[in-house]
Amino acid sequence: MTANERSGAEAPETFLYGDTEAVAASGMPVPSLRVLKTARAIQAQKTPKEHGGFKRMWHEEDVLIASIGAAMSEHFAWNIRIVAEAMAKTRPGTWAALTASIAGTISPEAGPLIRSLPDDWYLDLVDRKLLFLRVPPLFTMLFHDAPPGETNLLLGQATSKDTFQMLPWLLGHPEGRAKLAAITSPAQTTNAERAYKLAMATRANALSTASINISMQVRAGWRRLHGLDVHFLQDALPQKGTPNDPPPSIP
């Protein structure tokens, strides 16, 4: 669903945004957007300029996906290279499925305060290394290769070399492991299955878990992209080193 459909207007599906708008909406500077694009986590389109040459333009979906990357970089303290690898190596269509799943919760008439909703999606970083996508049960059906009924979907792990190692969801159930065994060596399958089981056990016994509500990030990015005010409740909390003024009232 496009922005214009959500606002009740009819307009071409191919409306594009320039670098300035994409940066302001996503929170990603242009060099970081380029890194995401090079990793193929997002895409850009070249459009001709009036007096010759081309300029880079972005689809709404790609700007919203970039906003997820900005949140990962900020809240997980990851550099853009790890963020780009993690987003690019995630199962194709995952981030697009997220933006599509919350289309009905985005409206220009909604207030500027971004609130959480019961069907929001989350990214969980377990023990500062293992990355999980946490989805509501209703949306697990979007991922046919995921373990049945599993809402904590393992994406992979950050490595000591500032890279990201993907672990296939197929490893979470017998049918998936059989598919993987058909295209890899027995040793590779065994090692991957061991890594998957260890990751799931680590989540169940985590020393620490950092979480990001990425649905809220996407809703905020959409409002910025369309020139609307955005506020998170956390913004009202007193900041360290500033006067302890009372927070503003919550609508």
Protein backbone atom coordinates (compact mmCIF):
# COMPACT_ATOMS: atom_id res chain seq x y z
CA MET A 1 0.00 0.00 0.00
CA THR A 2 1.41 3.37 -0.98
CA ALA A 3 1.31 6.56 1.03
CA ASN A 4 -1.29 8.04 -1.29
CA GLU A 5 -3.55 5.04 -0.92
CA ARG A 6 -3.33 5.34 2.86
CA SER A 7 -4.31 9.01 2.69
CA GLY A 8 -7.23 8.27 0.38
CA ALA A 9 -5.76 9.80 -2.76
CA GLU A 10 -4.94 8.11 -6.04
CA ALA A 11 -1.46 8.52 -7.44
CA PRO A 12 1.07 6.44 -9.35
CA GLU A 13 2.73 3.61 -7.42
CA THR A 14 6.17 4.81 -8.55
CA PHE A 15 6.41 8.04 -6.53
CA LEU A 16 10.06 8.54 -5.58
CA TYR A 17 11.98 10.52 -2.98
CA GLY A 18 15.37 12.24 -3.19
CA ASP A 19 18.36 11.85 -0.91
CA THR A 20 17.35 14.76 1.32
CA GLU A 21 13.91 13.31 2.01
CA ALA A 22 15.27 9.78 2.47
CA VAL A 23 17.87 10.95 4.99
CA ALA A 24 15.38 13.02 6.99
CA ALA A 25 12.83 10.18 7.12
CA SER A 26 15.11 7.21 7.74
CA GLY A 27 17.77 8.78 9.93
CA MET A 28 20.45 7.31 7.68
CA PRO A 29 23.06 9.66 6.15
CA VAL A 30 23.67 9.34 2.43
CA PRO A 31 26.93 7.34 2.77
CA SER A 32 25.10 4.79 4.94
CA LEU A 33 22.23 4.59 2.46
CA ARG A 34 24.82 3.82 -0.19
CA VAL A 35 26.27 1.02 1.93
CA LEU A 36 22.81 -0.50 2.35
CA LYS A 37 22.26 -0.19 -1.39
CA THR A 38 25.62 -1.79 -2.24
CA ALA A 39 24.78 -4.71 0.05
CA ARG A 40 21.39 -4.94 -1.71
CA ALA A 41 19.46 -4.42 1.50
CA ILE A 42 17.63 -1.59 -0.31
CA GLN A 43 17.44 -0.35 -3.87
CA ALA A 44 17.61 3.03 -5.57
CA GLN A 45 16.53 4.23 -8.97
CA LYS A 46 18.24 6.64 -11.34
CA THR A 47 15.97 9.25 -12.85
CA PRO A 48 17.01 11.75 -15.54
CA LYS A 49 17.57 15.38 -14.62
CA GLU A 50 15.94 18.11 -16.65
CA HIS A 51 19.25 19.40 -18.03
CA GLY A 52 21.02 16.08 -18.38
CA GLY A 53 22.53 13.51 -16.09
CA PHE A 54 20.80 11.42 -13.47
CA LYS A 55 19.88 11.67 -9.81
CA ARG A 56 19.36 8.94 -7.23
CA MET A 57 15.80 8.41 -6.03
CA TRP A 58 14.28 6.06 -3.47
CA HIS A 59 10.96 4.24 -3.22
CA GLU A 60 8.96 4.67 -0.03
CA GLU A 61 9.49 1.03 0.95
CA ASP A 62 13.26 1.35 0.73
CA VAL A 63 13.27 4.51 2.86
CA LEU A 64 11.22 2.71 5.52
CA ILE A 65 13.53 -0.30 5.42
CA ALA A 66 16.48 2.05 5.85
CA SER A 67 14.83 3.40 9.01
CA ILE A 68 15.10 -0.10 10.47
CA GLY A 69 18.81 -0.08 9.70
CA ALA A 70 19.22 3.28 11.42
CA ALA A 71 17.58 1.91 14.56
CA MET A 72 19.84 -1.16 14.51
CA SER A 73 22.93 1.00 14.23
CA GLU A 74 21.85 3.28 17.08
CA HIS A 75 20.43 0.80 19.59
CA PHE A 76 22.77 -2.13 18.95
CA ALA A 77 25.86 0.10 18.50
CA TRP A 78 26.57 -1.71 15.20
CA ASN A 79 28.55 -0.13 12.42
CA ILE A 80 26.83 0.26 9.07
CA ARG A 81 28.71 -2.66 7.50
CA ILE A 82 27.27 -5.18 9.97
CA VAL A 83 23.81 -3.59 9.67
CA ALA A 84 23.93 -3.82 5.88
CA GLU A 85 25.08 -7.44 5.92
CA ALA A 86 22.42 -8.47 8.44
CA MET A 87 19.62 -6.80 6.49
CA ALA A 88 20.83 -8.06 3.12
CA LYS A 89 21.32 -11.65 4.30
CA THR A 90 17.91 -11.90 5.93
CA ARG A 91 15.44 -14.02 3.98
CA PRO A 92 14.38 -12.09 0.83
CA GLY A 93 11.11 -10.25 1.27
CA THR A 94 11.23 -10.13 5.07
CA TRP A 95 11.56 -6.35 5.40
CA ALA A 96 9.02 -5.75 2.64
CA ALA A 97 6.63 -8.06 4.48
CA LEU A 98 7.07 -5.94 7.59
CA THR A 99 6.29 -2.67 5.84
CA ALA A 100 3.26 -4.26 4.18
CA SER A 101 2.01 -5.80 7.43
CA ILE A 102 1.73 -2.45 9.20
CA ALA A 103 0.30 -0.48 6.28
CA GLY A 104 -3.12 -0.50 7.90
CA THR A 105 -1.75 1.02 11.11
CA ILE A 106 -0.28 4.07 9.34
CA SER A 107 -2.47 7.11 8.88
CA PRO A 108 -1.87 10.84 8.42
CA GLU A 109 -4.67 11.41 10.93
CA ALA A 110 -2.82 9.58 13.71
CA GLY A 111 -1.19 11.77 16.32
CA PRO A 112 2.56 12.47 16.37
CA LEU A 113 3.18 10.19 19.38
CA ILE A 114 4.35 6.80 18.12
CA ARG A 115 2.84 4.05 20.25
CA SER A 116 3.40 0.30 20.35
CA LEU A 117 0.67 -2.03 19.12
CA PRO A 118 -0.02 -5.70 19.91
CA ASP A 119 1.06 -6.92 16.46
CA ASP A 120 4.35 -5.02 16.29
CA TRP A 121 7.54 -6.72 15.09
CA TYR A 122 10.79 -6.62 17.06
CA LEU A 123 14.49 -7.23 16.55
CA ASP A 124 16.19 -8.84 19.55
CA LEU A 125 19.97 -8.87 19.99
CA VAL A 126 20.83 -11.67 22.41
CA ASP A 127 24.10 -11.53 24.33
CA ARG A 128 25.25 -8.71 22.01
CA LYS A 129 25.71 -11.17 19.15
CA LEU A 130 22.69 -13.26 18.10
CA LEU A 131 20.01 -11.46 16.10
CA PHE A 132 16.39 -12.62 16.18
CA LEU A 133 13.28 -11.35 14.43
CA ARG A 134 10.30 -11.57 16.78
CA VAL A 135 6.98 -11.61 14.96
CA PRO A 136 3.38 -11.93 16.17
CA PRO A 137 1.90 -15.42 15.73
CA LEU A 138 -0.46 -14.10 13.06
CA PHE A 139 2.44 -13.29 10.74
CA THR A 140 4.42 -16.53 11.03
CA MET A 141 2.42 -17.81 8.06
CA LEU A 142 4.30 -15.32 5.88
CA PHE A 143 7.43 -17.42 6.26
CA HIS A 144 6.73 -20.86 4.88
CA ASP A 145 10.26 -22.14 5.55
CA ALA A 146 10.26 -21.10 9.22
CA PRO A 147 9.75 -23.66 12.00
CA PRO A 148 6.00 -24.15 12.54
CA GLY A 149 4.67 -21.95 15.33
CA GLU A 150 8.04 -20.33 16.02
CA THR A 151 7.78 -16.58 16.58
CA ASN A 152 11.44 -16.02 17.49
CA LEU A 153 13.13 -16.36 14.12
CA LEU A 154 16.91 -16.59 14.18
CA LEU A 155 18.55 -14.35 11.59
CA GLY A 156 22.20 -15.01 12.42
CA GLN A 157 25.08 -13.67 14.43
CA ALA A 158 27.57 -10.83 14.36
CA THR A 159 31.15 -12.03 14.18
CA SER A 160 34.36 -10.67 15.65
CA LYS A 161 35.40 -9.47 12.18
CA ASP A 162 32.57 -6.94 11.84
CA THR A 163 30.59 -9.23 9.57
CA PHE A 164 27.30 -11.07 9.89
CA GLN A 165 26.82 -14.82 9.54
CA MET A 166 23.35 -15.90 8.48
CA LEU A 167 21.80 -19.10 9.90
CA PRO A 168 18.93 -20.48 7.77
CA TRP A 169 15.50 -20.84 9.34
CA LEU A 170 15.35 -24.23 7.61
CA LEU A 171 17.50 -25.60 10.43
CA GLY A 172 14.59 -25.29 12.85
CA HIS A 173 12.56 -28.26 11.60
CA PRO A 174 13.20 -31.70 10.05
CA GLU A 175 11.84 -30.85 6.60
CA GLY A 176 14.06 -27.82 6.41
CA ARG A 177 17.13 -29.73 7.50
CA ALA A 178 16.40 -32.34 4.82
CA LYS A 179 16.25 -29.58 2.18
CA LEU A 180 19.51 -28.13 3.41
CA ALA A 181 21.19 -31.54 3.45
CA ALA A 182 20.35 -31.94 -0.22
CA ILE A 183 22.43 -28.90 -1.19
CA THR A 184 25.28 -29.02 1.36
CA SER A 185 27.76 -31.60 2.61
CA PRO A 186 26.92 -33.73 5.68
CA ALA A 187 29.60 -31.92 7.68
CA GLN A 188 28.21 -28.50 6.76
CA THR A 189 24.69 -29.57 7.66
CA THR A 190 25.82 -30.98 11.02
CA ASN A 191 27.79 -27.86 11.90
CA ALA A 192 24.95 -25.55 10.89
CA GLU A 193 22.42 -27.57 12.87
CA ARG A 194 24.67 -27.45 15.93
CA ALA A 195 25.05 -23.68 15.60
CA TYR A 196 21.28 -23.24 15.28
CA LYS A 197 20.55 -25.32 18.39
CA LEU A 198 23.19 -23.44 20.36
CA ALA A 199 21.72 -20.11 19.30
CA MET A 200 18.20 -21.10 20.35
CA ALA A 201 19.50 -22.40 23.69
CA THR A 202 21.40 -19.15 24.20
CA ARG A 203 18.22 -17.15 23.65
CA ALA A 204 16.41 -19.24 26.25
CA ASN A 205 19.23 -18.60 28.73
CA ALA A 206 20.31 -15.13 27.65
CA LEU A 207 22.49 -12.97 29.84
CA SER A 208 21.20 -9.88 28.02
CA THR A 209 18.67 -9.00 25.35
CA ALA A 210 18.36 -5.65 23.57
CA SER A 211 15.10 -5.12 21.69
CA ILE A 212 13.91 -2.69 19.04
CA ASN A 213 10.26 -2.24 18.10
CA ILE A 214 10.88 -1.96 14.36
CA SER A 215 7.20 -1.46 13.58
CA MET A 216 7.31 1.77 15.56
CA GLN A 217 10.44 2.80 13.66
CA VAL A 218 8.69 2.23 10.34
CA ARG A 219 5.61 4.19 11.41
CA ALA A 220 7.84 7.06 12.53
CA GLY A 221 9.79 6.94 9.26
CA TRP A 222 6.57 7.09 7.26
CA ARG A 223 5.39 10.20 9.11
CA ARG A 224 8.72 11.95 8.61
CA LEU A 225 8.71 11.04 4.94
CA HIS A 226 5.36 12.78 4.57
CA GLY A 227 6.25 15.89 6.54
CA LEU A 228 4.39 14.97 9.73
CA ASP A 229 5.54 15.46 13.32
CA VAL A 230 6.94 12.46 15.18
CA HIS A 231 7.49 11.94 18.91
CA PHE A 232 8.54 8.91 20.90
CA LEU A 233 7.56 8.71 24.56
CA GLN A 234 11.23 8.25 25.41
CA ASP A 235 11.84 11.78 24.12
CA ALA A 236 9.83 13.10 27.07
CA LEU A 237 12.09 11.47 29.65
CA PRO A 238 14.61 13.75 31.41
CA GLN A 239 18.00 13.59 29.73
CA LYS A 240 21.24 13.22 31.65
CA GLY A 241 22.84 16.59 32.30
CA THR A 242 19.68 18.61 31.56
CA PRO A 243 17.20 20.18 33.99
CA ASN A 244 14.62 17.76 35.35
CA ASP A 245 11.66 19.53 33.79
CA PRO A 246 8.27 17.80 33.95
CA PRO A 247 7.54 15.82 30.79
CA PRO A 248 4.96 17.13 28.34
CA SER A 249 1.44 15.84 28.59
CA ILE A 250 0.65 12.71 26.57
CA PRO A 251 -2.34 13.00 24.23
